[in-house]
N, C-alpha and C. Protein backbone atom coordinates (compact mmCIF):
# COMPACT_ATOMS: atom_id res chain seq x y z
N MET A 1 37.06 -12.11 -38.65
CA MET A 1 36.85 -11.70 -37.29
C MET A 1 36.79 -12.90 -36.35
N SER A 2 36.69 -14.06 -36.91
CA SER A 2 36.61 -15.28 -36.11
C SER A 2 37.84 -15.41 -35.23
N GLY A 3 37.63 -15.72 -33.97
CA GLY A 3 38.73 -15.90 -33.04
C GLY A 3 39.21 -14.63 -32.36
N SER A 4 38.79 -13.49 -32.84
CA SER A 4 39.23 -12.25 -32.21
C SER A 4 38.45 -12.05 -30.91
N PRO A 5 39.11 -11.51 -29.90
CA PRO A 5 38.42 -11.33 -28.61
C PRO A 5 37.34 -10.26 -28.69
N LEU A 6 36.29 -10.50 -27.94
CA LEU A 6 35.20 -9.54 -27.84
C LEU A 6 35.58 -8.51 -26.80
N ARG A 7 35.59 -7.24 -27.18
CA ARG A 7 35.93 -6.17 -26.25
C ARG A 7 34.80 -5.17 -26.23
N LEU A 8 34.29 -4.90 -25.05
CA LEU A 8 33.23 -3.93 -24.88
C LEU A 8 33.65 -2.90 -23.84
N THR A 9 33.26 -1.68 -24.06
CA THR A 9 33.50 -0.63 -23.08
C THR A 9 32.14 -0.07 -22.69
N MET A 10 31.88 0.00 -21.40
CA MET A 10 30.60 0.50 -20.91
C MET A 10 30.84 1.86 -20.27
N LEU A 11 30.10 2.83 -20.71
CA LEU A 11 30.16 4.16 -20.13
C LEU A 11 28.78 4.50 -19.58
N SER A 12 28.74 5.12 -18.44
CA SER A 12 27.47 5.49 -17.85
C SER A 12 27.43 6.99 -17.62
N PRO A 13 26.35 7.62 -18.01
CA PRO A 13 26.23 9.06 -17.78
C PRO A 13 25.78 9.39 -16.35
N LEU A 14 25.53 8.36 -15.56
CA LEU A 14 25.02 8.58 -14.21
C LEU A 14 26.13 8.94 -13.23
N ALA A 15 25.81 9.82 -12.33
CA ALA A 15 26.77 10.17 -11.28
C ALA A 15 26.83 9.04 -10.27
N VAL A 16 27.98 8.86 -9.66
CA VAL A 16 28.12 7.90 -8.57
C VAL A 16 27.99 8.69 -7.28
N TYR A 17 26.92 8.43 -6.57
CA TYR A 17 26.68 9.13 -5.33
C TYR A 17 27.45 8.47 -4.21
N LEU A 18 27.94 9.27 -3.29
CA LEU A 18 28.79 8.76 -2.22
C LEU A 18 28.12 7.67 -1.40
N ASP A 19 26.79 7.74 -1.20
CA ASP A 19 26.13 6.71 -0.41
C ASP A 19 25.92 5.42 -1.19
N GLU A 20 26.17 5.42 -2.50
CA GLU A 20 26.04 4.22 -3.30
C GLU A 20 27.39 3.62 -3.68
N ALA A 21 28.45 4.37 -3.51
CA ALA A 21 29.78 3.89 -3.88
C ALA A 21 30.31 2.98 -2.80
N GLY A 22 30.75 1.80 -3.22
CA GLY A 22 31.32 0.85 -2.27
C GLY A 22 32.75 1.21 -1.95
N SER A 23 33.25 0.68 -0.87
CA SER A 23 34.63 0.97 -0.48
C SER A 23 35.61 0.17 -1.33
N VAL A 24 35.14 -0.90 -1.97
CA VAL A 24 36.00 -1.72 -2.81
C VAL A 24 35.74 -1.35 -4.27
N SER A 25 36.78 -0.95 -4.96
CA SER A 25 36.60 -0.53 -6.35
C SER A 25 37.06 -1.60 -7.33
N ALA A 26 37.53 -2.75 -6.85
CA ALA A 26 38.02 -3.79 -7.74
C ALA A 26 36.85 -4.48 -8.45
N LEU A 27 37.09 -4.89 -9.68
CA LEU A 27 36.09 -5.63 -10.44
C LEU A 27 36.09 -7.08 -9.99
N ALA A 28 34.98 -7.77 -10.22
CA ALA A 28 34.89 -9.20 -9.91
C ALA A 28 35.88 -9.95 -10.80
N PRO A 29 36.39 -11.08 -10.33
CA PRO A 29 37.32 -11.86 -11.15
C PRO A 29 36.66 -12.29 -12.46
N ARG A 30 37.40 -12.24 -13.54
CA ARG A 30 36.90 -12.62 -14.86
C ARG A 30 37.46 -13.99 -15.23
N PRO A 31 36.63 -14.88 -15.79
CA PRO A 31 37.16 -16.17 -16.26
C PRO A 31 38.03 -15.95 -17.49
N ALA A 32 38.99 -16.82 -17.70
CA ALA A 32 39.87 -16.72 -18.86
C ALA A 32 39.09 -16.95 -20.16
N THR A 33 38.03 -17.75 -20.09
CA THR A 33 37.20 -18.04 -21.25
C THR A 33 35.76 -18.26 -20.79
N LEU A 34 34.84 -18.15 -21.71
CA LEU A 34 33.44 -18.46 -21.42
C LEU A 34 33.09 -19.88 -21.84
N ASP A 35 34.04 -20.61 -22.45
CA ASP A 35 33.79 -22.00 -22.83
C ASP A 35 33.39 -22.80 -21.60
N GLY A 36 32.29 -23.54 -21.71
CA GLY A 36 31.83 -24.39 -20.62
C GLY A 36 31.14 -23.64 -19.49
N LYS A 37 30.89 -22.37 -19.65
CA LYS A 37 30.29 -21.55 -18.59
C LYS A 37 28.79 -21.34 -18.83
N VAL A 38 28.07 -21.14 -17.75
CA VAL A 38 26.67 -20.74 -17.82
C VAL A 38 26.66 -19.21 -17.77
N VAL A 39 26.17 -18.59 -18.83
CA VAL A 39 26.12 -17.14 -18.91
C VAL A 39 24.67 -16.70 -18.68
N GLY A 40 24.48 -15.82 -17.73
CA GLY A 40 23.16 -15.29 -17.41
C GLY A 40 23.01 -13.89 -17.94
N LEU A 41 21.91 -13.62 -18.60
CA LEU A 41 21.59 -12.31 -19.13
C LEU A 41 20.46 -11.72 -18.30
N LEU A 42 20.67 -10.52 -17.79
CA LEU A 42 19.72 -9.93 -16.86
C LEU A 42 19.36 -8.51 -17.33
N PRO A 43 18.26 -8.37 -18.11
CA PRO A 43 17.87 -7.04 -18.55
C PRO A 43 17.16 -6.28 -17.43
N ASN A 44 17.18 -4.96 -17.55
CA ASN A 44 16.34 -4.19 -16.64
C ASN A 44 14.95 -4.12 -17.25
N TRP A 45 14.13 -3.22 -16.82
CA TRP A 45 12.74 -3.18 -17.29
C TRP A 45 12.52 -2.20 -18.43
N ARG A 46 13.58 -1.72 -19.05
CA ARG A 46 13.45 -0.83 -20.20
C ARG A 46 13.20 -1.67 -21.45
N PRO A 47 12.44 -1.16 -22.41
CA PRO A 47 12.02 -1.98 -23.56
C PRO A 47 13.13 -2.62 -24.38
N SER A 48 14.22 -1.94 -24.61
CA SER A 48 15.25 -2.48 -25.51
C SER A 48 16.28 -3.35 -24.82
N ALA A 49 16.29 -3.40 -23.51
CA ALA A 49 17.33 -4.16 -22.80
C ALA A 49 17.33 -5.63 -23.19
N ALA A 50 16.17 -6.26 -23.26
CA ALA A 50 16.12 -7.68 -23.63
C ALA A 50 16.61 -7.88 -25.07
N HIS A 51 16.27 -6.97 -25.97
CA HIS A 51 16.73 -7.07 -27.37
C HIS A 51 18.25 -6.97 -27.43
N ILE A 52 18.81 -6.03 -26.69
CA ILE A 52 20.27 -5.85 -26.66
C ILE A 52 20.93 -7.14 -26.16
N LEU A 53 20.42 -7.69 -25.07
CA LEU A 53 21.04 -8.89 -24.50
C LEU A 53 20.85 -10.12 -25.37
N ARG A 54 19.73 -10.23 -26.08
CA ARG A 54 19.56 -11.35 -27.01
C ARG A 54 20.66 -11.34 -28.08
N GLU A 55 20.95 -10.15 -28.59
CA GLU A 55 22.00 -10.04 -29.61
C GLU A 55 23.38 -10.33 -29.03
N VAL A 56 23.64 -9.84 -27.83
CA VAL A 56 24.91 -10.16 -27.16
C VAL A 56 25.01 -11.67 -26.96
N GLY A 57 23.91 -12.29 -26.53
CA GLY A 57 23.89 -13.74 -26.34
C GLY A 57 24.20 -14.50 -27.61
N LYS A 58 23.63 -14.06 -28.74
CA LYS A 58 23.91 -14.71 -30.03
C LYS A 58 25.40 -14.64 -30.36
N LEU A 59 25.99 -13.46 -30.15
CA LEU A 59 27.43 -13.31 -30.42
C LEU A 59 28.26 -14.21 -29.52
N LEU A 60 27.89 -14.29 -28.25
CA LEU A 60 28.64 -15.15 -27.33
C LEU A 60 28.53 -16.61 -27.73
N GLU A 61 27.33 -17.04 -28.16
CA GLU A 61 27.16 -18.43 -28.59
C GLU A 61 27.96 -18.74 -29.86
N GLU A 62 28.16 -17.74 -30.71
CA GLU A 62 28.98 -17.94 -31.91
C GLU A 62 30.46 -18.06 -31.56
N ARG A 63 30.89 -17.37 -30.53
CA ARG A 63 32.33 -17.29 -30.22
C ARG A 63 32.80 -18.26 -29.16
N PHE A 64 31.89 -18.78 -28.35
CA PHE A 64 32.28 -19.66 -27.26
C PHE A 64 31.39 -20.90 -27.25
N ARG A 65 31.88 -21.96 -26.60
CA ARG A 65 31.09 -23.17 -26.38
C ARG A 65 30.48 -23.07 -24.99
N LEU A 66 29.39 -22.31 -24.88
CA LEU A 66 28.74 -22.10 -23.59
C LEU A 66 28.06 -23.37 -23.12
N LYS A 67 28.08 -23.59 -21.82
CA LYS A 67 27.30 -24.69 -21.25
C LYS A 67 25.82 -24.36 -21.37
N ALA A 68 25.48 -23.10 -21.08
CA ALA A 68 24.09 -22.64 -21.20
C ALA A 68 24.08 -21.12 -21.26
N LEU A 69 23.03 -20.61 -21.88
CA LEU A 69 22.79 -19.17 -21.93
C LEU A 69 21.35 -18.98 -21.46
N ILE A 70 21.19 -18.25 -20.37
CA ILE A 70 19.84 -18.04 -19.84
C ILE A 70 19.57 -16.55 -19.69
N MET A 71 18.34 -16.18 -19.96
CA MET A 71 17.93 -14.80 -19.73
C MET A 71 16.81 -14.82 -18.71
N GLU A 72 16.94 -13.97 -17.73
CA GLU A 72 15.92 -13.89 -16.69
C GLU A 72 15.65 -12.43 -16.39
N GLN A 73 14.39 -12.12 -16.26
CA GLN A 73 14.00 -10.77 -15.88
C GLN A 73 13.16 -10.88 -14.62
N PRO A 74 13.79 -10.63 -13.46
CA PRO A 74 13.05 -10.76 -12.21
C PRO A 74 11.82 -9.87 -12.20
N VAL A 75 10.77 -10.38 -11.61
CA VAL A 75 9.54 -9.61 -11.48
C VAL A 75 9.79 -8.52 -10.46
N ARG A 76 9.52 -7.32 -10.87
CA ARG A 76 9.70 -6.18 -9.97
C ARG A 76 8.47 -6.09 -9.08
N GLU A 77 8.73 -6.18 -7.80
CA GLU A 77 7.63 -6.14 -6.84
C GLU A 77 7.28 -4.70 -6.51
N LEU A 78 6.07 -4.33 -6.77
CA LEU A 78 5.62 -2.96 -6.49
C LEU A 78 4.40 -3.03 -5.59
N PRO A 79 4.09 -2.09 -4.80
CA PRO A 79 4.92 -0.91 -4.55
C PRO A 79 6.01 -1.22 -3.52
N ILE A 80 7.01 -0.39 -3.51
CA ILE A 80 8.10 -0.51 -2.55
C ILE A 80 7.77 0.41 -1.40
N ARG A 81 7.49 -0.17 -0.27
CA ARG A 81 7.09 0.62 0.89
C ARG A 81 8.29 1.03 1.74
N THR A 82 9.28 0.18 1.81
CA THR A 82 10.48 0.49 2.58
C THR A 82 11.69 -0.04 1.83
N GLY A 83 12.84 0.50 2.12
CA GLY A 83 14.08 0.01 1.52
C GLY A 83 14.20 0.42 0.06
N LYS A 84 15.09 -0.27 -0.63
CA LYS A 84 15.36 0.01 -2.03
C LYS A 84 14.83 -1.13 -2.88
N LEU A 85 14.68 -0.89 -4.17
CA LEU A 85 14.19 -1.90 -5.09
C LEU A 85 15.00 -3.18 -5.00
N LEU A 86 16.31 -3.07 -4.94
CA LEU A 86 17.15 -4.26 -4.87
C LEU A 86 16.89 -5.08 -3.61
N ASP A 87 16.49 -4.42 -2.53
CA ASP A 87 16.17 -5.16 -1.30
C ASP A 87 14.98 -6.08 -1.53
N THR A 88 14.01 -5.67 -2.32
CA THR A 88 12.82 -6.50 -2.56
C THR A 88 13.11 -7.67 -3.49
N MET A 89 14.20 -7.58 -4.25
CA MET A 89 14.54 -8.61 -5.22
C MET A 89 15.74 -9.45 -4.81
N ARG A 90 16.26 -9.22 -3.62
CA ARG A 90 17.51 -9.86 -3.21
C ARG A 90 17.50 -11.38 -3.37
N GLU A 91 16.45 -12.04 -2.91
CA GLU A 91 16.40 -13.51 -2.99
C GLU A 91 16.42 -14.00 -4.43
N THR A 92 15.66 -13.34 -5.30
CA THR A 92 15.64 -13.71 -6.72
C THR A 92 17.00 -13.51 -7.36
N LEU A 93 17.62 -12.38 -7.09
CA LEU A 93 18.93 -12.09 -7.68
C LEU A 93 20.01 -13.02 -7.13
N ASP A 94 19.94 -13.34 -5.85
CA ASP A 94 20.90 -14.28 -5.26
C ASP A 94 20.76 -15.66 -5.91
N GLY A 95 19.52 -16.10 -6.16
CA GLY A 95 19.29 -17.37 -6.84
C GLY A 95 19.85 -17.37 -8.25
N PHE A 96 19.65 -16.28 -8.96
CA PHE A 96 20.20 -16.12 -10.31
C PHE A 96 21.72 -16.21 -10.26
N ALA A 97 22.32 -15.52 -9.32
CA ALA A 97 23.79 -15.52 -9.20
C ALA A 97 24.33 -16.92 -8.92
N ARG A 98 23.59 -17.72 -8.16
CA ARG A 98 24.04 -19.09 -7.85
C ARG A 98 23.97 -20.00 -9.08
N ARG A 99 23.08 -19.69 -10.04
CA ARG A 99 22.90 -20.54 -11.21
C ARG A 99 23.83 -20.22 -12.37
N VAL A 100 24.49 -19.07 -12.33
CA VAL A 100 25.33 -18.67 -13.47
C VAL A 100 26.78 -18.51 -13.04
N ASP A 101 27.67 -18.67 -14.02
CA ASP A 101 29.09 -18.41 -13.79
C ASP A 101 29.43 -16.96 -14.07
N VAL A 102 28.73 -16.39 -15.05
CA VAL A 102 28.96 -15.01 -15.48
C VAL A 102 27.59 -14.37 -15.71
N ALA A 103 27.44 -13.14 -15.27
CA ALA A 103 26.19 -12.41 -15.50
C ALA A 103 26.48 -11.13 -16.28
N ILE A 104 25.59 -10.86 -17.23
CA ILE A 104 25.69 -9.65 -18.04
C ILE A 104 24.34 -8.93 -17.92
N THR A 105 24.38 -7.65 -17.69
CA THR A 105 23.15 -6.88 -17.55
C THR A 105 23.15 -5.76 -18.58
N ALA A 106 21.96 -5.25 -18.87
CA ALA A 106 21.85 -4.16 -19.84
C ALA A 106 20.66 -3.29 -19.48
N THR A 107 20.74 -2.07 -19.94
CA THR A 107 19.63 -1.14 -19.84
C THR A 107 19.41 -0.56 -21.23
N GLY A 108 18.18 -0.32 -21.59
CA GLY A 108 17.94 0.22 -22.93
C GLY A 108 16.54 0.78 -23.05
N ASP A 109 16.38 1.80 -23.85
CA ASP A 109 15.07 2.39 -24.12
C ASP A 109 14.68 2.23 -25.56
């Protein structure tokens, strides 16, 4: 299996609501390789998400020469009095995005 490309397919059972769907449906540009890249792992607050991403991180480190692999779980600020959860975390997430070349997120129970 060494050298074979890693292929993942993500399916979500969640509906896409019209007020959440962006007008641009294109995916972000993908690098040709992860060699030399900083990969950021961003779990949600479900118990298994960090475990899932740790295993994904191990596989990526086996297959690529990463510059760094970091996992960060932003502190969820509660209670949310106005706006959406992402609005309260925008600065933290923007900082994370500036530090990584590629970000991978997961949800898990």
